Each structure stands twice: as C-alpha cells, then as structure tokens.
Amino acid sequence: MNITNRLWLRLVWAGLIVLPLGNGLPVGASPTPQSVEQTTAKQKTVQFRIAGMTCAACAKGLEASFRNLAGVMKADVDYKAGQALITFDAAKQSAERLSKFVVSCGYQVKETKVV
C-alpha cells in the first residue's frame, strides 16, 4: 500500500471517530421541536443582590461559574451594581440552589427576586 492510500485511510478512520454517528433517528426523520410555550414555561430568571465582590474579576469569575452549572442558560454578573441576573431551566435548577452556590463561592446574597 503506498503512502497516499495509507494517508487516505487514516483520514477516513479519524473522521469516523471524531464525527458523530447521527442522532439516533431513522433516516429522513427529524426531531420535533419544542413549542415556545414549553420552552418558556420551564425557563425562569432570578436576580440576586450580591455583597462581597471586590473587583470586576470577581464578577467575571462568578459569571463563568454560573454558566458551568447544569440548567443555567444565561448569566450576567455586574460588579458595580452588585447583582447577578441568571436565567435557568427550572426542571434542572432552582433559585434556592443558585443562591446557595453564590454563598459557597464566598459571597453574600442580600436579596433574591424571581423576575
């Protein structure tokens, strides 16, 4: 086997490993999208007033940490305002758990408001 054929075989093999093998649906079938009502019914937004952040890097770090939590769709933490606005899937996350998470990161939650 010459080098061109070996290279081609390696590329094909690598493509089979890296590329997903489908979505598990029969050929030609497509998943049915969720209705807008179902998506927004599970989605909630909570606003926290947070004390203890000493710089903008604190806010960015907390924001990144929120985004890594299961169910969190959007996280905006504002150092100057001392607040966080978190949008999450209520089936996977809760405002109470998010509040406890803030405390576990070393900050104080002064107020929680579901918006």
PDB file of N, CA and C in Angstrom:
ATOM      1  N   MET A   1       0.854  -1.162   0.000  1.00  0.00           N
ATOM      2  CA  MET A   1       0.000   0.000   0.000  1.00  0.00           C
ATOM      3  C   MET A   1       0.907   1.235   0.000  1.00  0.00           C
ATOM      4  N   ASN A   2       0.634   2.161  -0.911  1.00  0.00           N
ATOM      5  CA  ASN A   2       1.501   3.339  -0.972  1.00  0.00           C
ATOM      6  C   ASN A   2       1.087   4.377   0.076  1.00  0.00           C
ATOM      7  N   ILE A   3       1.887   5.393   0.220  1.00  0.00           N
ATOM      8  CA  ILE A   3       1.681   6.381   1.288  1.00  0.00           C
ATOM      9  C   ILE A   3       0.398   7.168   1.104  1.00  0.00           C
ATOM     10  N   THR A   4      -0.007   7.429  -0.117  1.00  0.00           N
ATOM     11  CA  THR A   4      -1.248   8.168  -0.366  1.00  0.00           C
ATOM     12  C   THR A   4      -2.452   7.375   0.130  1.00  0.00           C
ATOM     13  N   ASN A   5      -2.478   6.083  -0.150  1.00  0.00           N
ATOM     14  CA  ASN A   5      -3.590   5.250   0.315  1.00  0.00           C
ATOM     15  C   ASN A   5      -3.615   5.157   1.841  1.00  0.00           C
ATOM     16  N   ARG A   6      -2.455   5.037   2.463  1.00  0.00           N
ATOM     17  CA  ARG A   6      -2.407   4.967   3.919  1.00  0.00           C
ATOM     18  C   ARG A   6      -2.892   6.265   4.554  1.00  0.00           C
ATOM     19  N   LEU A   7      -2.487   7.393   3.984  1.00  0.00           N
ATOM     20  CA  LEU A   7      -2.924   8.687   4.495  1.00  0.00           C
ATOM     21  C   LEU A   7      -4.436   8.828   4.351  1.00  0.00           C
ATOM     22  N   TRP A   8      -4.963   8.421   3.227  1.00  0.00           N
ATOM     23  CA  TRP A   8      -6.399   8.496   2.991  1.00  0.00           C
ATOM     24  C   TRP A   8      -7.152   7.630   4.009  1.00  0.00           C
ATOM     25  N   LEU A   9      -6.669   6.424   4.239  1.00  0.00           N
ATOM     26  CA  LEU A   9      -7.312   5.540   5.203  1.00  0.00           C
ATOM     27  C   LEU A   9      -7.285   6.132   6.611  1.00  0.00           C
ATOM     28  N   ARG A  10      -6.183   6.757   6.983  1.00  0.00           N
ATOM     29  CA  ARG A  10      -6.088   7.388   8.304  1.00  0.00           C
ATOM     30  C   ARG A  10      -7.079   8.534   8.440  1.00  0.00           C
ATOM     31  N   LEU A  11      -7.220   9.325   7.376  1.00  0.00           N
ATOM     32  CA  LEU A  11      -8.164  10.435   7.417  1.00  0.00           C
ATOM     33  C   LEU A  11      -9.601   9.935   7.547  1.00  0.00           C
ATOM     34  N   VAL A  12      -9.935   8.886   6.813  1.00  0.00           N
ATOM     35  CA  VAL A  12     -11.276   8.316   6.898  1.00  0.00           C
ATOM     36  C   VAL A  12     -11.513   7.754   8.290  1.00  0.00           C
ATOM     37  N   TRP A  13     -10.559   7.025   8.825  1.00  0.00           N
ATOM     38  CA  TRP A  13     -10.697   6.444  10.160  1.00  0.00           C
ATOM     39  C   TRP A  13     -10.842   7.546  11.225  1.00  0.00           C
ATOM     40  N   ALA A  14     -10.041   8.589  11.122  1.00  0.00           N
ATOM     41  CA  ALA A  14     -10.124   9.692  12.074  1.00  0.00           C
ATOM     42  C   ALA A  14     -11.481  10.378  11.975  1.00  0.00           C
ATOM     43  N   GLY A  15     -12.002  10.525  10.773  1.00  0.00           N
ATOM     44  CA  GLY A  15     -13.315  11.131  10.586  1.00  0.00           C
ATOM     45  C   GLY A  15     -14.407  10.306  11.218  1.00  0.00           C
ATOM     46  N   LEU A  16     -14.304   8.991  11.179  1.00  0.00           N
ATOM     47  CA  LEU A  16     -15.317   8.133  11.791  1.00  0.00           C
ATOM     48  C   LEU A  16     -15.293   8.238  13.304  1.00  0.00           C
ATOM     49  N   ILE A  17     -14.125   8.435  13.860  1.00  0.00           N
ATOM     50  CA  ILE A  17     -14.010   8.544  15.316  1.00  0.00           C
ATOM     51  C   ILE A  17     -14.492   9.904  15.794  1.00  0.00           C
ATOM     52  N   VAL A  18     -14.135  10.974  15.098  1.00  0.00           N
ATOM     53  CA  VAL A  18     -14.419  12.327  15.543  1.00  0.00           C
ATOM     54  C   VAL A  18     -15.855  12.743  15.249  1.00  0.00           C
ATOM     55  N   LEU A  19     -16.363  12.392  14.079  1.00  0.00           N
ATOM     56  CA  LEU A  19     -17.697  12.836  13.698  1.00  0.00           C
ATOM     57  C   LEU A  19     -18.766  12.038  14.429  1.00  0.00           C
ATOM     58  N   PRO A  20     -19.855  12.705  14.815  1.00  0.00           N
ATOM     59  CA  PRO A  20     -20.942  11.972  15.464  1.00  0.00           C
ATOM     60  C   PRO A  20     -21.593  11.008  14.481  1.00  0.00           C
ATOM     61  N   LEU A  21     -22.147   9.946  15.000  1.00  0.00           N
ATOM     62  CA  LEU A  21     -22.726   8.923  14.152  1.00  0.00           C
ATOM     63  C   LEU A  21     -24.224   9.104  13.951  1.00  0.00           C
ATOM     64  N   GLY A  22     -24.756  10.264  14.176  1.00  0.00           N
ATOM     65  CA  GLY A  22     -26.173  10.521  13.948  1.00  0.00           C
ATOM     66  C   GLY A  22     -26.894  10.822  15.243  1.00  0.00           C
ATOM     67  N   ASN A  23     -28.179  11.093  15.094  1.00  0.00           N
ATOM     68  CA  ASN A  23     -28.970  11.467  16.260  1.00  0.00           C
ATOM     69  C   ASN A  23     -29.851  10.345  16.765  1.00  0.00           C
ATOM     70  N   GLY A  24     -29.686   9.145  16.232  1.00  0.00           N
ATOM     71  CA  GLY A  24     -30.450   8.008  16.700  1.00  0.00           C
ATOM     72  C   GLY A  24     -31.822   7.882  16.061  1.00  0.00           C
ATOM     73  N   LEU A  25     -32.152   8.793  15.147  1.00  0.00           N
ATOM     74  CA  LEU A  25     -33.440   8.743  14.476  1.00  0.00           C
ATOM     75  C   LEU A  25     -33.305   8.001  13.154  1.00  0.00           C
ATOM     76  N   PRO A  26     -34.381   7.398  12.670  1.00  0.00           N
ATOM     77  CA  PRO A  26     -34.321   6.758  11.358  1.00  0.00           C
ATOM     78  C   PRO A  26     -33.964   7.771  10.274  1.00  0.00           C
ATOM     79  N   VAL A  27     -33.403   7.286   9.189  1.00  0.00           N
ATOM     80  CA  VAL A  27     -33.010   8.164   8.081  1.00  0.00           C
ATOM     81  C   VAL A  27     -34.237   8.908   7.586  1.00  0.00           C
ATOM     82  N   GLY A  28     -34.111  10.211   7.424  1.00  0.00           N
ATOM     83  CA  GLY A  28     -35.214  11.034   6.941  1.00  0.00           C
ATOM     84  C   GLY A  28     -36.072  11.597   8.053  1.00  0.00           C
ATOM     85  N   ALA A  29     -35.987  11.050   9.231  1.00  0.00           N
ATOM     86  CA  ALA A  29     -36.793  11.557  10.346  1.00  0.00           C
ATOM     87  C   ALA A  29     -36.089  12.742  10.983  1.00  0.00           C
ATOM     88  N   SER A  30     -36.854  13.660  11.496  1.00  0.00           N
ATOM     89  CA  SER A  30     -36.256  14.799  12.187  1.00  0.00           C
ATOM     90  C   SER A  30     -36.937  14.959  13.536  1.00  0.00           C
ATOM     91  N   PRO A  31     -36.189  15.424  14.514  1.00  0.00           N
ATOM     92  CA  PRO A  31     -36.794  15.605  15.834  1.00  0.00           C
ATOM     93  C   PRO A  31     -37.839  16.708  15.786  1.00  0.00           C
ATOM     94  N   THR A  32     -38.881  16.570  16.568  1.00  0.00           N
ATOM     95  CA  THR A  32     -39.904  17.609  16.608  1.00  0.00           C
ATOM     96  C   THR A  32     -39.456  18.678  17.582  1.00  0.00           C
ATOM     97  N   PRO A  33     -39.453  19.928  17.151  1.00  0.00           N
ATOM     98  CA  PRO A  33     -39.007  20.994  18.048  1.00  0.00           C
ATOM     99  C   PRO A  33     -40.026  21.239  19.139  1.00  0.00           C
ATOM    100  N   GLN A  34     -39.521  21.671  20.304  1.00  0.00           N
ATOM    101  CA  GLN A  34     -40.416  22.007  21.397  1.00  0.00           C
ATOM    102  C   GLN A  34     -41.158  23.286  21.044  1.00  0.00           C
ATOM    103  N   SER A  35     -42.361  23.390  21.512  1.00  0.00           N
ATOM    104  CA  SER A  35     -43.107  24.619  21.277  1.00  0.00           C
ATOM    105  C   SER A  35     -42.520  25.723  22.146  1.00  0.00           C
ATOM    106  N   VAL A  36     -42.788  26.951  21.768  1.00  0.00           N
ATOM    107  CA  VAL A  36     -42.272  28.092  22.513  1.00  0.00           C
ATOM    108  C   VAL A  36     -42.829  28.087  23.928  1.00  0.00           C
ATOM    109  N   GLU A  37     -44.088  27.683  24.089  1.00  0.00           N
ATOM    110  CA  GLU A  37     -44.702  27.666  25.416  1.00  0.00           C
ATOM    111  C   GLU A  37     -43.980  26.692  26.345  1.00  0.00           C
ATOM    112  N   GLN A  38     -43.610  25.521  25.827  1.00  0.00           N
ATOM    113  CA  GLN A  38     -42.913  24.543  26.653  1.00  0.00           C
ATOM    114  C   GLN A  38     -41.552  25.062  27.076  1.00  0.00           C
ATOM    115  N   THR A  39     -40.859  25.725  26.175  1.00  0.00           N
ATOM    116  CA  THR A  39     -39.526  26.223  26.475  1.00  0.00           C
ATOM    117  C   THR A  39     -39.580  27.328  27.522  1.00  0.00           C
ATOM    118  N   THR A  40     -40.484  28.275  27.363  1.00  0.00           N
ATOM    119  CA  THR A  40     -40.524  29.397  28.290  1.00  0.00           C
ATOM    120  C   THR A  40     -41.162  29.026  29.620  1.00  0.00           C
ATOM    121  N   ALA A  41     -42.001  28.000  29.651  1.00  0.00           N
ATOM    122  CA  ALA A  41     -42.622  27.589  30.908  1.00  0.00           C
ATOM    123  C   ALA A  41     -41.584  27.059  31.891  1.00  0.00           C
ATOM    124  N   LYS A  42     -40.568  26.406  31.396  1.00  0.00           N
ATOM    125  CA  LYS A  42     -39.508  25.873  32.248  1.00  0.00           C
ATOM    126  C   LYS A  42     -38.450  26.917  32.567  1.00  0.00           C
ATOM    127  N   GLN A  43     -38.367  27.951  31.769  1.00  0.00           N
ATOM    128  CA  GLN A  43     -37.317  28.946  31.911  1.00  0.00           C
ATOM    129  C   GLN A  43     -37.710  29.996  32.949  1.00  0.00           C
ATOM    130  N   LYS A  44     -36.798  30.253  33.882  1.00  0.00           N
ATOM    131  CA  LYS A  44     -37.021  31.275  34.902  1.00  0.00           C
ATOM    132  C   LYS A  44     -35.782  32.153  34.993  1.00  0.00           C
ATOM    133  N   THR A  45     -35.997  33.355  35.487  1.00  0.00           N
ATOM    134  CA  THR A  45     -34.884  34.278  35.699  1.00  0.00           C
ATOM    135  C   THR A  45     -34.934  34.757  37.138  1.00  0.00           C
ATOM    136  N   VAL A  46     -33.773  34.762  37.773  1.00  0.00           N
ATOM    137  CA  VAL A  46     -33.671  35.213  39.155  1.00  0.00           C
ATOM    138  C   VAL A  46     -32.607  36.312  39.225  1.00  0.00           C
ATOM    139  N   GLN A  47     -32.870  37.290  40.079  1.00  0.00           N
ATOM    140  CA  GLN A  47     -31.922  38.380  40.288  1.00  0.00           C
ATOM    141  C   GLN A  47     -31.440  38.325  41.734  1.00  0.00           C
ATOM    142  N   PHE A  48     -30.130  38.349  41.903  1.00  0.00           N
ATOM    143  CA  PHE A  48     -29.527  38.354  43.236  1.00  0.00           C
ATOM    144  C   PHE A  48     -28.818  39.681  43.455  1.00  0.00           C
ATOM    145  N   ARG A  49     -28.979  40.246  44.642  1.00  0.00           N
ATOM    146  CA  ARG A  49     -28.099  41.325  45.090  1.00  0.00           C
ATOM    147  C   ARG A  49     -26.993  40.650  45.863  1.00  0.00           C
ATOM    148  N   ILE A  50     -25.754  40.882  45.437  1.00  0.00           N
ATOM    149  CA  ILE A  50     -24.610  40.154  45.992  1.00  0.00           C
ATOM    150  C   ILE A  50     -23.648  41.122  46.663  1.00  0.00           C
ATOM    151  N   ALA A  51     -23.202  40.771  47.856  1.00  0.00           N
ATOM    152  CA  ALA A  51     -22.185  41.541  48.573  1.00  0.00           C
ATOM    153  C   ALA A  51     -20.920  40.702  48.667  1.00  0.00           C
ATOM    154  N   GLY A  52     -19.782  41.383  48.717  1.00  0.00           N
ATOM    155  CA  GLY A  52     -18.519  40.683  48.895  1.00  0.00           C
ATOM    156  C   GLY A  52     -17.641  40.646  47.655  1.00  0.00           C
ATOM    157  N   MET A  53     -18.169  41.089  46.518  1.00  0.00           N
ATOM    158  CA  MET A  53     -17.321  41.146  45.323  1.00  0.00           C
ATOM    159  C   MET A  53     -16.438  42.375  45.445  1.00  0.00           C
ATOM    160  N   THR A  54     -15.134  42.203  45.269  1.00  0.00           N
ATOM    161  CA  THR A  54     -14.200  43.309  45.457  1.00  0.00           C
ATOM    162  C   THR A  54     -13.666  43.892  44.159  1.00  0.00           C
ATOM    163  N   CYS A  55     -13.949  43.225  43.041  1.00  0.00           N
ATOM    164  CA  CYS A  55     -13.439  43.727  41.764  1.00  0.00           C
ATOM    165  C   CYS A  55     -14.238  43.127  40.602  1.00  0.00           C
ATOM    166  N   ALA A  56     -13.992  43.632  39.415  1.00  0.00           N
ATOM    167  CA  ALA A  56     -14.682  43.141  38.227  1.00  0.00           C
ATOM    168  C   ALA A  56     -14.301  41.692  37.923  1.00  0.00           C
ATOM    169  N   ALA A  57     -13.099  41.300  38.305  1.00  0.00           N
ATOM    170  CA  ALA A  57     -12.677  39.905  38.080  1.00  0.00           C
ATOM    171  C   ALA A  57     -13.517  38.941  38.918  1.00  0.00           C
ATOM    172  N   CYS A  58     -13.927  39.374  40.102  1.00  0.00           N
ATOM    173  CA  CYS A  58     -14.821  38.545  40.927  1.00  0.00           C
ATOM    174  C   CYS A  58     -16.111  38.277  40.166  1.00  0.00           C
ATOM    175  N   ALA A  59     -16.662  39.324  39.579  1.00  0.00           N
ATOM    176  CA  ALA A  59     -17.919  39.195  38.844  1.00  0.00           C
ATOM    177  C   ALA A  59     -17.753  38.281  37.636  1.00  0.00           C
ATOM    178  N   LYS A  60     -16.676  38.440  36.911  1.00  0.00           N
ATOM    179  CA  LYS A  60     -16.440  37.597  35.724  1.00  0.00           C
ATOM    180  C   LYS A  60     -16.247  36.136  36.119  1.00  0.00           C
ATOM    181  N   GLY A  61     -15.545  35.903  37.200  1.00  0.00           N
ATOM    182  CA  GLY A  61     -15.343  34.531  37.668  1.00  0.00           C
ATOM    183  C   GLY A  61     -16.646  33.890  38.118  1.00  0.00           C
ATOM    184  N   LEU A  62     -17.456  34.648  38.842  1.00  0.00           N
ATOM    185  CA  LEU A  62     -18.746  34.137  39.300  1.00  0.00           C
ATOM    186  C   LEU A  62     -19.664  33.872  38.104  1.00  0.00           C
ATOM    187  N   GLU A  63     -19.631  34.775  37.143  1.00  0.00           N
ATOM    188  CA  GLU A  63     -20.435  34.615  35.929  1.00  0.00           C
ATOM    189  C   GLU A  63     -20.057  33.336  35.183  1.00  0.00           C
ATOM    190  N   ALA A  64     -18.775  33.104  35.027  1.00  0.00           N
ATOM    191  CA  ALA A  64     -18.305  31.894  34.352  1.00  0.00           C
ATOM    192  C   ALA A  64     -18.700  30.643  35.142  1.00  0.00           C
ATOM    193  N   SER A  65     -18.637  30.726  36.452  1.00  0.00           N
ATOM    194  CA  SER A  65     -19.025  29.590  37.288  1.00  0.00           C
ATOM    195  C   SER A  65     -20.511  29.278  37.152  1.00  0.00           C
ATOM    196  N   PHE A  66     -21.344  30.309  37.100  1.00  0.00           N
ATOM    197  CA  PHE A  66     -22.773  30.106  36.895  1.00  0.00           C
ATOM    198  C   PHE A  66     -23.026  29.380  35.580  1.00  0.00           C
ATOM    199  N   ARG A  67     -22.331  29.800  34.540  1.00  0.00           N
ATOM    200  CA  ARG A  67     -22.550  29.221  33.208  1.00  0.00           C
ATOM    201  C   ARG A  67     -22.176  27.745  33.147  1.00  0.00           C
ATOM    202  N   ASN A  68     -21.351  27.287  34.057  1.00  0.00           N
ATOM    203  CA  ASN A  68     -20.962  25.877  34.086  1.00  0.00           C
ATOM    204  C   ASN A  68     -21.937  25.003  34.867  1.00  0.00           C
ATOM    205  N   LEU A  69     -22.912  25.610  35.523  1.00  0.00           N
ATOM    206  CA  LEU A  69     -23.888  24.844  36.289  1.00  0.00           C
ATOM    207  C   LEU A  69     -24.953  24.252  35.371  1.00  0.00           C
ATOM    208  N   ALA A  70     -25.413  23.067  35.723  1.00  0.00           N
ATOM    209  CA  ALA A  70     -26.470  22.412  34.947  1.00  0.00           C
ATOM    210  C   ALA A  70     -27.728  23.263  34.953  1.00  0.00           C
ATOM    211  N   GLY A  71     -28.315  23.435  33.789  1.00  0.00           N
ATOM    212  CA  GLY A  71     -29.574  24.155  33.673  1.00  0.00           C
ATOM    213  C   GLY A  71     -29.459  25.650  33.498  1.00  0.00           C
ATOM    214  N   VAL A  72     -28.289  26.226  33.715  1.00  0.00           N
ATOM    215  CA  VAL A  72     -28.128  27.670  33.566  1.00  0.00           C
ATOM    216  C   VAL A  72     -27.973  28.001  32.088  1.00  0.00           C
ATOM    217  N   MET A  73     -28.860  28.855  31.596  1.00  0.00           N
ATOM    218  CA  MET A  73     -28.852  29.234  30.183  1.00  0.00           C
ATOM    219  C   MET A  73     -28.110  30.545  29.941  1.00  0.00           C
ATOM    220  N   LYS A  74     -28.221  31.446  30.904  1.00  0.00           N
ATOM    221  CA  LYS A  74     -27.597  32.759  30.744  1.00  0.00           C
ATOM    222  C   LYS A  74     -27.228  33.291  32.119  1.00  0.00           C
ATOM    223  N   ALA A  75     -26.075  33.928  32.218  1.00  0.00           N
ATOM    224  CA  ALA A  75     -25.634  34.509  33.477  1.00  0.00           C
ATOM    225  C   ALA A  75     -24.967  35.850  33.209  1.00  0.00           C
ATOM    226  N   ASP A  76     -25.436  36.873  33.895  1.00  0.00           N
ATOM    227  CA  ASP A  76     -24.835  38.201  33.817  1.00  0.00           C
ATOM    228  C   ASP A  76     -24.600  38.687  35.233  1.00  0.00           C
ATOM    229  N   VAL A  77     -23.334  38.923  35.578  1.00  0.00           N
ATOM    230  CA  VAL A  77     -22.990  39.411  36.911  1.00  0.00           C
ATOM    231  C   VAL A  77     -22.361  40.788  36.741  1.00  0.00           C
ATOM    232  N   ASP A  78     -22.913  41.775  37.438  1.00  0.00           N
ATOM    233  CA  ASP A  78     -22.459  43.155  37.341  1.00  0.00           C
ATOM    234  C   ASP A  78     -21.813  43.558  38.665  1.00  0.00           C
ATOM    235  N   TYR A  79     -20.507  43.782  38.633  1.00  0.00           N
ATOM    236  CA  TYR A  79     -19.760  44.138  39.850  1.00  0.00           C
ATOM    237  C   TYR A  79     -20.220  45.477  40.418  1.00  0.00           C
ATOM    238  N   LYS A  80     -20.322  46.494  39.552  1.00  0.00           N
ATOM    239  CA  LYS A  80     -20.681  47.837  40.028  1.00  0.00           C
ATOM    240  C   LYS A  80     -22.069  47.877  40.661  1.00  0.00           C
ATOM    241  N   ALA A  81     -23.014  47.163  40.058  1.00  0.00           N
ATOM    242  CA  ALA A  81     -24.378  47.129  40.599  1.00  0.00           C
ATOM    243  C   ALA A  81     -24.502  46.134  41.745  1.00  0.00           C
ATOM    244  N   GLY A  82     -23.545  45.237  41.863  1.00  0.00           N
ATOM    245  CA  GLY A  82     -23.588  44.218  42.907  1.00  0.00           C
ATOM    246  C   GLY A  82     -24.744  43.259  42.731  1.00  0.00           C
ATOM    247  N   GLN A  83     -24.962  42.852  41.477  1.00  0.00           N
ATOM    248  CA  GLN A  83     -26.079  41.961  41.231  1.00  0.00           C
ATOM    249  C   GLN A  83     -25.767  40.938  40.152  1.00  0.00           C
ATOM    250  N   ALA A  84     -26.561  39.890  40.167  1.00  0.00           N
ATOM    251  CA  ALA A  84     -26.461  38.838  39.161  1.00  0.00           C
ATOM    252  C   ALA A  84     -27.858  38.574  38.627  1.00  0.00           C
ATOM    253  N   LEU A  85     -27.950  38.368  37.328  1.00  0.00           N
ATOM    254  CA  LEU A  85     -29.198  38.036  36.668  1.00  0.00           C
ATOM    255  C   LEU A  85     -28.980  36.698  35.979  1.00  0.00           C
ATOM    256  N   ILE A  86     -29.665  35.662  36.464  1.00  0.00           N
ATOM    257  CA  ILE A  86     -29.439  34.296  35.999  1.00  0.00           C
ATOM    258  C   ILE A  86     -30.726  33.748  35.394  1.00  0.00           C
ATOM    259  N   THR A  87     -30.634  33.248  34.165  1.00  0.00           N
ATOM    260  CA  THR A  87     -31.758  32.578  33.511  1.00  0.00           C
ATOM    261  C   THR A  87     -31.449  31.093  33.500  1.00  0.00           C
ATOM    262  N   PHE A  88     -32.425  30.284  33.948  1.00  0.00           N
ATOM    263  CA  PHE A  88     -32.168  28.857  34.109  1.00  0.00           C
ATOM    264  C   PHE A  88     -33.390  28.026  33.756  1.00  0.00           C
ATOM    265  N   ASP A  89     -33.153  26.752  33.529  1.00  0.00           N
ATOM    266  CA  ASP A  89     -34.208  25.776  33.275  1.00  0.00           C
ATOM    267  C   ASP A  89     -34.690  25.281  34.635  1.00  0.00           C
ATOM    268  N   ALA A  90     -35.941  25.579  34.958  1.00  0.00           N
ATOM    269  CA  ALA A  90     -36.485  25.237  36.279  1.00  0.00           C
ATOM    270  C   ALA A  90     -36.573  23.732  36.505  1.00  0.00           C
ATOM    271  N   ALA A  91     -36.523  22.949  35.449  1.00  0.00           N
ATOM    272  CA  ALA A  91     -36.551  21.493  35.604  1.00  0.00           C
ATOM    273  C   ALA A  91     -35.192  20.959  36.061  1.00  0.00           C
ATOM    274  N   LYS A  92     -34.127  21.753  35.852  1.00  0.00           N
ATOM    275  CA  LYS A  92     -32.773  21.297  36.187  1.00  0.00           C
ATOM    276  C   LYS A  92     -32.126  22.087  37.322  1.00  0.00           C
ATOM    277  N   GLN A  93     -32.686  23.244  37.652  1.00  0.00           N
ATOM    278  CA  GLN A  93     -32.033  24.134  38.605  1.00  0.00           C
ATOM    279  C   GLN A  93     -33.107  24.884  39.379  1.00  0.00           C
ATOM    280  N   SER A  94     -32.740  25.481  40.512  1.00  0.00           N
ATOM    281  CA  SER A  94     -33.684  26.287  41.281  1.00  0.00           C
ATOM    282  C   SER A  94     -32.990  27.546  41.787  1.00  0.00           C
ATOM    283  N   ALA A  95     -33.793  28.550  42.095  1.00  0.00           N
ATOM    284  CA  ALA A  95     -33.254  29.803  42.622  1.00  0.00           C
ATOM    285  C   ALA A  95     -32.565  29.565  43.961  1.00  0.00           C
ATOM    286  N   GLU A  96     -33.116  28.673  44.760  1.00  0.00           N
ATOM    287  CA  GLU A  96     -32.524  28.366  46.070  1.00  0.00           C
ATOM    288  C   GLU A  96     -31.132  27.748  45.917  1.00  0.00           C
ATOM    289  N   ARG A  97     -30.998  26.800  45.006  1.00  0.00           N
ATOM    290  CA  ARG A  97     -29.682  26.178  44.791  1.00  0.00           C
ATOM    291  C   ARG A  97     -28.688  27.178  44.230  1.00  0.00           C
ATOM    292  N   LEU A  98     -29.157  28.069  43.353  1.00  0.00           N
ATOM    293  CA  LEU A  98     -28.266  29.090  42.805  1.00  0.00           C
ATOM    294  C   LEU A  98     -27.801  30.040  43.900  1.00  0.00           C
ATOM    295  N   SER A  99     -28.714  30.392  44.816  1.00  0.00           N
ATOM    296  CA  SER A  99     -28.357  31.248  45.944  1.00  0.00           C
ATOM    297  C   SER A  99     -27.310  30.574  46.832  1.00  0.00           C
ATOM    298  N   LYS A 100     -27.514  29.298  47.112  1.00  0.00           N
ATOM    299  CA  LYS A 100     -26.536  28.546  47.913  1.00  0.00           C
ATOM    300  C   LYS A 100     -25.193  28.464  47.204  1.00  0.00           C
ATOM    301  N   PHE A 101     -25.225  28.394  45.874  1.00  0.00           N
ATOM    302  CA  PHE A 101     -23.988  28.354  45.107  1.00  0.00           C
ATOM    303  C   PHE A 101     -23.205  29.657  45.284  1.00  0.00           C
ATOM    304  N   VAL A 102     -23.904  30.793  45.258  1.00  0.00           N
ATOM    305  CA  VAL A 102     -23.249  32.095  45.458  1.00  0.00           C
ATOM    306  C   VAL A 102     -22.552  32.116  46.805  1.00  0.00           C
ATOM    307  N   VAL A 103     -23.234  31.650  47.833  1.00  0.00           N
ATOM    308  CA  VAL A 103     -22.666  31.616  49.184  1.00  0.00           C
ATOM    309  C   VAL A 103     -21.453  30.684  49.226  1.00  0.00           C
ATOM    310  N   SER A 104     -21.533  29.538  48.529  1.00  0.00           N
ATOM    311  CA  SER A 104     -20.404  28.603  48.523  1.00  0.00           C
ATOM    312  C   SER A 104     -19.179  29.180  47.816  1.00  0.00           C
ATOM    313  N   CYS A 105     -19.404  30.187  46.991  1.00  0.00           N
ATOM    314  CA  CYS A 105     -18.287  30.855  46.304  1.00  0.00           C
ATOM    315  C   CYS A 105     -17.667  31.956  47.164  1.00  0.00           C
ATOM    316  N   GLY A 106     -18.239  32.199  48.355  1.00  0.00           N
ATOM    317  CA  GLY A 106     -17.645  33.167  49.273  1.00  0.00           C
ATOM    318  C   GLY A 106     -18.308  34.531  49.281  1.00  0.00           C
ATOM    319  N   TYR A 107     -19.477  34.657  48.683  1.00  0.00           N
ATOM    320  CA  TYR A 107     -20.185  35.938  48.647  1.00  0.00           C
ATOM    321  C   TYR A 107     -21.461  35.832  49.480  1.00  0.00           C
ATOM    322  N   GLN A 108     -22.086  36.981  49.727  1.00  0.00           N
ATOM    323  CA  GLN A 108     -23.331  37.000  50.484  1.00  0.00           C
ATOM    324  C   GLN A 108     -24.475  37.412  49.539  1.00  0.00           C
ATOM    325  N   VAL A 109     -25.600  36.710  49.672  1.00  0.00           N
ATOM    326  CA  VAL A 109     -26.792  37.071  48.904  1.00  0.00           C
ATOM    327  C   VAL A 109     -27.637  37.975  49.789  1.00  0.00           C
ATOM    328  N   LYS A 110     -27.806  39.217  49.392  1.00  0.00           N
ATOM    329  CA  LYS A 110     -28.552  40.183  50.184  1.00  0.00           C
ATOM    330  C   LYS A 110     -30.037  40.186  49.831  1.00  0.00           C
ATOM    331  N   GLU A 111     -30.363  39.836  48.608  1.00  0.00           N
ATOM    332  CA  GLU A 111     -31.757  39.833  48.172  1.00  0.00           C
ATOM    333  C   GLU A 111     -31.893  38.896  46.976  1.00  0.00           C
ATOM    334  N   THR A 112     -33.006  38.181  46.922  1.00  0.00           N
ATOM    335  CA  THR A 112     -33.306  37.296  45.803  1.00  0.00           C
ATOM    336  C   THR A 112     -34.677  37.665  45.270  1.00  0.00           C
ATOM    337  N   LYS A 113     -34.753  37.866  43.963  1.00  0.00           N
ATOM    338  CA  LYS A 113     -36.035  38.226  43.354  1.00  0.00           C
ATOM    339  C   LYS A 113     -36.192  37.456  42.049  1.00  0.00           C
ATOM    340  N   VAL A 114     -37.282  36.695  41.930  1.00  0.00           N
ATOM    341  CA  VAL A 114     -37.579  35.999  40.682  1.00  0.00           C
ATOM    342  C   VAL A 114     -38.260  37.011  39.777  1.00  0.00           C
ATOM    343  N   VAL A 115     -37.703  37.199  38.590  1.00  0.00           N
ATOM    344  CA  VAL A 115     -38.253  38.182  37.636  1.00  0.00           C
ATOM    345  C   VAL A 115     -38.874  37.503  36.452  1.00  0.00           C
TER     346      VAL A 115
END
